[in-house]
C-alpha atoms as a PDB file:
ATOM      1  CA  UNK A   1      26.368 165.404 169.907  1.00  0.00           C
ATOM      2  CA  UNK A   2      27.541 166.446 165.990  1.00  0.00           C
ATOM      3  CA  UNK A   3      26.325 169.655 164.381  1.00  0.00           C
ATOM      4  CA  UNK A   4      24.027 169.306 161.492  1.00  0.00           C
ATOM      5  CA  UNK A   5      25.253 172.338 158.839  1.00  0.00           C
ATOM      6  CA  UNK A   6      21.974 174.053 157.008  1.00  0.00           C
ATOM      7  CA  UNK A   7      22.084 177.447 155.279  1.00  0.00           C
ATOM      8  CA  UNK A   8      20.137 180.002 156.437  1.00  0.00           C
ATOM      9  CA  UNK A   9      17.803 180.326 153.468  1.00  0.00           C
ATOM     10  CA  UNK A  10      16.953 176.715 154.640  1.00  0.00           C
ATOM     11  CA  UNK A  11      16.236 177.390 158.178  1.00  0.00           C
ATOM     12  CA  UNK A  12      14.114 180.220 157.251  1.00  0.00           C
ATOM     13  CA  UNK A  13      11.071 178.014 156.179  1.00  0.00           C
ATOM     14  CA  UNK A  14      10.755 176.165 159.477  1.00  0.00           C
ATOM     15  CA  UNK A  15      11.013 179.115 161.340  1.00  0.00           C
ATOM     16  CA  UNK A  16       8.082 180.932 159.944  1.00  0.00           C
ATOM     17  CA  UNK A  17       6.023 178.112 160.758  1.00  0.00           C
ATOM     18  CA  UNK A  18       6.493 179.457 164.422  1.00  0.00           C
ATOM     19  CA  UNK A  19       6.199 176.137 165.953  1.00  0.00           C
ATOM     20  CA  UNK A  20       5.097 175.670 169.883  1.00  0.00           C
ATOM     21  CA  UNK A  21       5.579 172.964 172.137  1.00  0.00           C
ATOM     22  CA  UNK A  22       2.297 170.559 171.886  1.00  0.00           C
ATOM     23  CA  UNK A  23       1.474 171.390 168.853  1.00  0.00           C
ATOM     24  CA  UNK A  24       0.973 168.422 166.040  1.00  0.00           C
ATOM     25  CA  UNK A  25       3.227 169.328 163.043  1.00  0.00           C
ATOM     26  CA  UNK A  26       3.489 167.788 159.489  1.00  0.00           C
ATOM     27  CA  UNK A  27       6.812 168.130 157.236  1.00  0.00           C
ATOM     28  CA  UNK A  28       5.100 167.019 154.025  1.00  0.00           C
ATOM     29  CA  UNK A  29       8.660 166.744 151.930  1.00  0.00           C
ATOM     30  CA  UNK A  30      11.067 166.315 154.704  1.00  0.00           C
ATOM     31  CA  UNK A  31      14.147 164.743 153.277  1.00  0.00           C
ATOM     32  CA  UNK A  32      17.104 165.405 154.010  1.00  0.00           C
ATOM     33  CA  UNK A  33      15.843 166.090 157.400  1.00  0.00           C
ATOM     34  CA  UNK A  34      17.416 169.916 158.530  1.00  0.00           C
ATOM     35  CA  UNK A  35      13.934 171.612 158.549  1.00  0.00           C
ATOM     36  CA  UNK A  36      12.572 168.666 160.572  1.00  0.00           C
ATOM     37  CA  UNK A  37      15.364 169.118 163.163  1.00  0.00           C
ATOM     38  CA  UNK A  38      14.270 172.439 163.942  1.00  0.00           C
ATOM     39  CA  UNK A  39      10.797 171.728 163.955  1.00  0.00           C
ATOM     40  CA  UNK A  40      11.476 169.041 166.741  1.00  0.00           C
ATOM     41  CA  UNK A  41      13.476 170.940 168.484  1.00  0.00           C
ATOM     42  CA  UNK A  42      10.771 173.622 168.228  1.00  0.00           C
ATOM     43  CA  UNK A  43       8.027 171.399 169.922  1.00  0.00           C
ATOM     44  CA  UNK A  44      10.771 171.077 173.295  1.00  0.00           C
ATOM     45  CA  UNK A  45       9.646 167.277 173.918  1.00  0.00           C
ATOM     46  CA  UNK A  46       5.805 168.285 173.759  1.00  0.00           C
ATOM     47  CA  UNK A  47       3.629 167.786 170.491  1.00  0.00           C
ATOM     48  CA  UNK A  48       4.240 165.472 167.519  1.00  0.00           C
ATOM     49  CA  UNK A  49       6.468 165.693 164.189  1.00  0.00           C
ATOM     50  CA  UNK A  50       5.459 163.848 161.548  1.00  0.00           C
ATOM     51  CA  UNK A  51       8.316 163.701 158.732  1.00  0.00           C
ATOM     52  CA  UNK A  52       7.095 162.740 155.491  1.00  0.00           C
ATOM     53  CA  UNK A  53       9.165 161.826 151.968  1.00  0.00           C
ATOM     54  CA  UNK A  54       7.671 159.753 149.318  1.00  0.00           C
ATOM     55  CA  UNK A  55      11.285 158.979 148.035  1.00  0.00           C
ATOM     56  CA  UNK A  56      12.266 155.785 149.940  1.00  0.00           C
ATOM     57  CA  UNK A  57      15.992 156.454 149.456  1.00  0.00           C
ATOM     58  CA  UNK A  58      15.400 160.338 150.729  1.00  0.00           C
ATOM     59  CA  UNK A  59      13.087 158.907 153.384  1.00  0.00           C
ATOM     60  CA  UNK A  60      16.225 156.400 154.505  1.00  0.00           C
ATOM     61  CA  UNK A  61      18.365 159.465 154.896  1.00  0.00           C
ATOM     62  CA  UNK A  62      16.051 161.642 157.039  1.00  0.00           C
ATOM     63  CA  UNK A  63      15.482 158.746 159.375  1.00  0.00           C
ATOM     64  CA  UNK A  64      19.059 158.719 159.512  1.00  0.00           C
ATOM     65  CA  UNK A  65      19.511 162.084 159.953  1.00  0.00           C
ATOM     66  CA  UNK A  66      16.541 162.500 162.688  1.00  0.00           C
ATOM     67  CA  UNK A  67      18.221 159.651 164.735  1.00  0.00           C
ATOM     68  CA  UNK A  68      21.784 160.586 164.497  1.00  0.00           C
ATOM     69  CA  UNK A  69      20.807 164.318 165.737  1.00  0.00           C
ATOM     70  CA  UNK A  70      17.839 164.087 168.191  1.00  0.00           C
ATOM     71  CA  UNK A  71      18.091 162.480 171.901  1.00  0.00           C
ATOM     72  CA  UNK A  72      16.801 159.035 171.569  1.00  0.00           C
ATOM     73  CA  UNK A  73      13.769 159.850 173.680  1.00  0.00           C
ATOM     74  CA  UNK A  74      12.515 162.711 171.158  1.00  0.00           C
ATOM     75  CA  UNK A  75      13.097 160.577 168.263  1.00  0.00           C
ATOM     76  CA  UNK A  76      11.098 157.700 169.908  1.00  0.00           C
ATOM     77  CA  UNK A  77       8.540 159.622 171.506  1.00  0.00           C
ATOM     78  CA  UNK A  78       7.765 162.650 169.107  1.00  0.00           C
ATOM     79  CA  UNK A  79       8.649 161.583 165.809  1.00  0.00           C
ATOM     80  CA  UNK A  80       7.163 159.525 163.154  1.00  0.00           C
ATOM     81  CA  UNK A  81       8.685 159.181 159.505  1.00  0.00           C
ATOM     82  CA  UNK A  82       6.273 158.426 156.648  1.00  0.00           C
ATOM     83  CA  UNK A  83       6.492 157.673 152.839  1.00  0.00           C
ATOM     84  CA  UNK A  84       2.978 159.074 151.410  1.00  0.00           C
ATOM     85  CA  UNK A  85       2.392 161.014 148.501  1.00  0.00           C
ATOM     86  CA  UNK A  86       1.686 164.484 149.743  1.00  0.00           C
ATOM     87  CA  UNK A  87      -0.336 165.192 147.087  1.00  0.00           C
ATOM     88  CA  UNK A  88      -2.995 162.705 148.114  1.00  0.00           C
ATOM     89  CA  UNK A  89      -2.439 163.184 151.870  1.00  0.00           C
ATOM     90  CA  UNK A  90      -5.973 164.894 152.521  1.00  0.00           C
ATOM     91  CA  UNK A  91      -7.713 161.452 151.090  1.00  0.00           C
ATOM     92  CA  UNK A  92      -6.753 159.996 154.538  1.00  0.00           C
ATOM     93  CA  UNK A  93      -6.770 162.748 157.009  1.00  0.00           C
ATOM     94  CA  UNK A  94      -8.155 166.286 157.179  1.00  0.00           C
ATOM     95  CA  UNK A  95      -8.396 169.011 159.646  1.00  0.00           C
ATOM     96  CA  UNK A  96      -5.348 167.005 161.656  1.00  0.00           C
ATOM     97  CA  UNK A  97      -2.250 169.236 161.920  1.00  0.00           C
ATOM     98  CA  UNK A  98      -1.941 172.380 164.090  1.00  0.00           C
ATOM     99  CA  UNK A  99       1.335 173.393 161.669  1.00  0.00           C
ATOM    100  CA  UNK A 100       2.170 172.180 158.155  1.00  0.00           C
ATOM    101  CA  UNK A 101       5.552 172.831 156.639  1.00  0.00           C
ATOM    102  CA  UNK A 102       5.708 172.202 152.546  1.00  0.00           C
ATOM    103  CA  UNK A 103       8.938 172.332 150.942  1.00  0.00           C
ATOM    104  CA  UNK A 104       7.809 171.188 147.781  1.00  0.00           C
ATOM    105  CA  UNK A 105      10.229 169.848 145.093  1.00  0.00           C
ATOM    106  CA  UNK A 106      11.453 172.338 142.644  1.00  0.00           C
ATOM    107  CA  UNK A 107      12.378 172.606 139.039  1.00  0.00           C
ATOM    108  CA  UNK A 108      16.256 173.297 140.061  1.00  0.00           C
ATOM    109  CA  UNK A 109      16.279 175.486 137.073  1.00  0.00           C
ATOM    110  CA  UNK A 110      18.814 177.718 139.026  1.00  0.00           C
ATOM    111  CA  UNK A 111      21.600 175.129 138.386  1.00  0.00           C
ATOM    112  CA  UNK A 112      20.941 175.749 134.467  1.00  0.00           C
ATOM    113  CA  UNK A 113      22.702 179.122 134.791  1.00  0.00           C
ATOM    114  CA  UNK A 114      25.816 177.660 136.866  1.00  0.00           C
ATOM    115  CA  UNK A 115      25.884 174.701 134.619  1.00  0.00           C
ATOM    116  CA  UNK A 116      24.868 175.478 131.090  1.00  0.00           C
ATOM    117  CA  UNK A 117      25.594 171.551 130.085  1.00  0.00           C
ATOM    118  CA  UNK A 118      22.430 170.402 132.167  1.00  0.00           C
ATOM    119  CA  UNK A 119      20.644 172.628 129.220  1.00  0.00           C
ATOM    120  CA  UNK A 120      20.660 169.506 126.898  1.00  0.00           C
ATOM    121  CA  UNK A 121      18.381 167.379 129.520  1.00  0.00           C
ATOM    122  CA  UNK A 122      16.051 170.335 130.267  1.00  0.00           C
ATOM    123  CA  UNK A 123      12.361 169.857 129.161  1.00  0.00           C
ATOM    124  CA  UNK A 124       9.377 172.267 129.556  1.00  0.00           C
ATOM    125  CA  UNK A 125       7.481 169.101 130.465  1.00  0.00           C
ATOM    126  CA  UNK A 126       9.445 168.474 133.672  1.00  0.00           C
ATOM    127  CA  UNK A 127       8.864 171.897 134.548  1.00  0.00           C
ATOM    128  CA  UNK A 128       4.926 171.604 133.926  1.00  0.00           C
ATOM    129  CA  UNK A 129       4.906 168.349 135.931  1.00  0.00           C
ATOM    130  CA  UNK A 130       6.390 169.504 138.869  1.00  0.00           C
ATOM    131  CA  UNK A 131       4.298 172.754 138.960  1.00  0.00           C
ATOM    132  CA  UNK A 132       1.159 170.382 138.848  1.00  0.00           C
ATOM    133  CA  UNK A 133       2.719 168.473 141.330  1.00  0.00           C
ATOM    134  CA  UNK A 134       3.423 171.310 143.740  1.00  0.00           C
ATOM    135  CA  UNK A 135      -0.370 172.483 143.543  1.00  0.00           C
ATOM    136  CA  UNK A 136      -1.505 169.156 144.161  1.00  0.00           C
ATOM    137  CA  UNK A 137       0.511 168.828 147.612  1.00  0.00           C
ATOM    138  CA  UNK A 138      -0.664 172.578 148.607  1.00  0.00           C
ATOM    139  CA  UNK A 139      -4.029 171.762 148.136  1.00  0.00           C
ATOM    140  CA  UNK A 140      -4.006 168.792 149.764  1.00  0.00           C
ATOM    141  CA  UNK A 141      -2.120 170.185 152.816  1.00  0.00           C
ATOM    142  CA  UNK A 142      -4.530 173.260 152.867  1.00  0.00           C
ATOM    143  CA  UNK A 143      -7.135 170.469 153.505  1.00  0.00           C
ATOM    144  CA  UNK A 144      -4.956 168.398 156.472  1.00  0.00           C
ATOM    145  CA  UNK A 145      -4.622 171.952 158.021  1.00  0.00           C
ATOM    146  CA  UNK A 146      -6.710 172.569 161.402  1.00  0.00           C
ATOM    147  CA  UNK A 147      -8.720 175.599 161.283  1.00  0.00           C
ATOM    148  CA  UNK A 148      -6.733 178.241 162.536  1.00  0.00           C
ATOM    149  CA  UNK A 149      -3.336 176.604 161.860  1.00  0.00           C
ATOM    150  CA  UNK A 150      -0.157 177.811 160.024  1.00  0.00           C
ATOM    151  CA  UNK A 151       1.154 176.405 156.656  1.00  0.00           C
ATOM    152  CA  UNK A 152       4.140 177.614 154.905  1.00  0.00           C
ATOM    153  CA  UNK A 153       4.935 176.709 151.523  1.00  0.00           C
ATOM    154  CA  UNK A 154       8.390 177.068 150.046  1.00  0.00           C
ATOM    155  CA  UNK A 155      10.553 175.921 147.279  1.00  0.00           C
END
């Protein structure tokens, strides 16, 4: 089986979720899939993982990563890949998951420090829109989390 390289900062959030075998887990913004791999291995073949990403292109990459790096029976039996809007998830399910990881899309403004030419395309409106989107996703995730469940939010 090939190796999937993930930096320590990216691995931190799924480990903080403290997933245990048998739990029902939701990764709301799952692509490209490294964090979902960590979550699926934590289930140890028991429970379920819903790996969601709204973007069709990112979702295809997510599916490919999960298929390439997970045993076929784990992928077939435990994994569900979806393409829903994370901000509206609570309209369809409530109180449904033991653990939820929300690694929300961020503004990527750090890249402006490394590549000043990107500042030409930067707009305040984009940052405000992303902040509203992050809040909507977090509020929705909170409503989808079971009582006593655990939610980890990161960007």
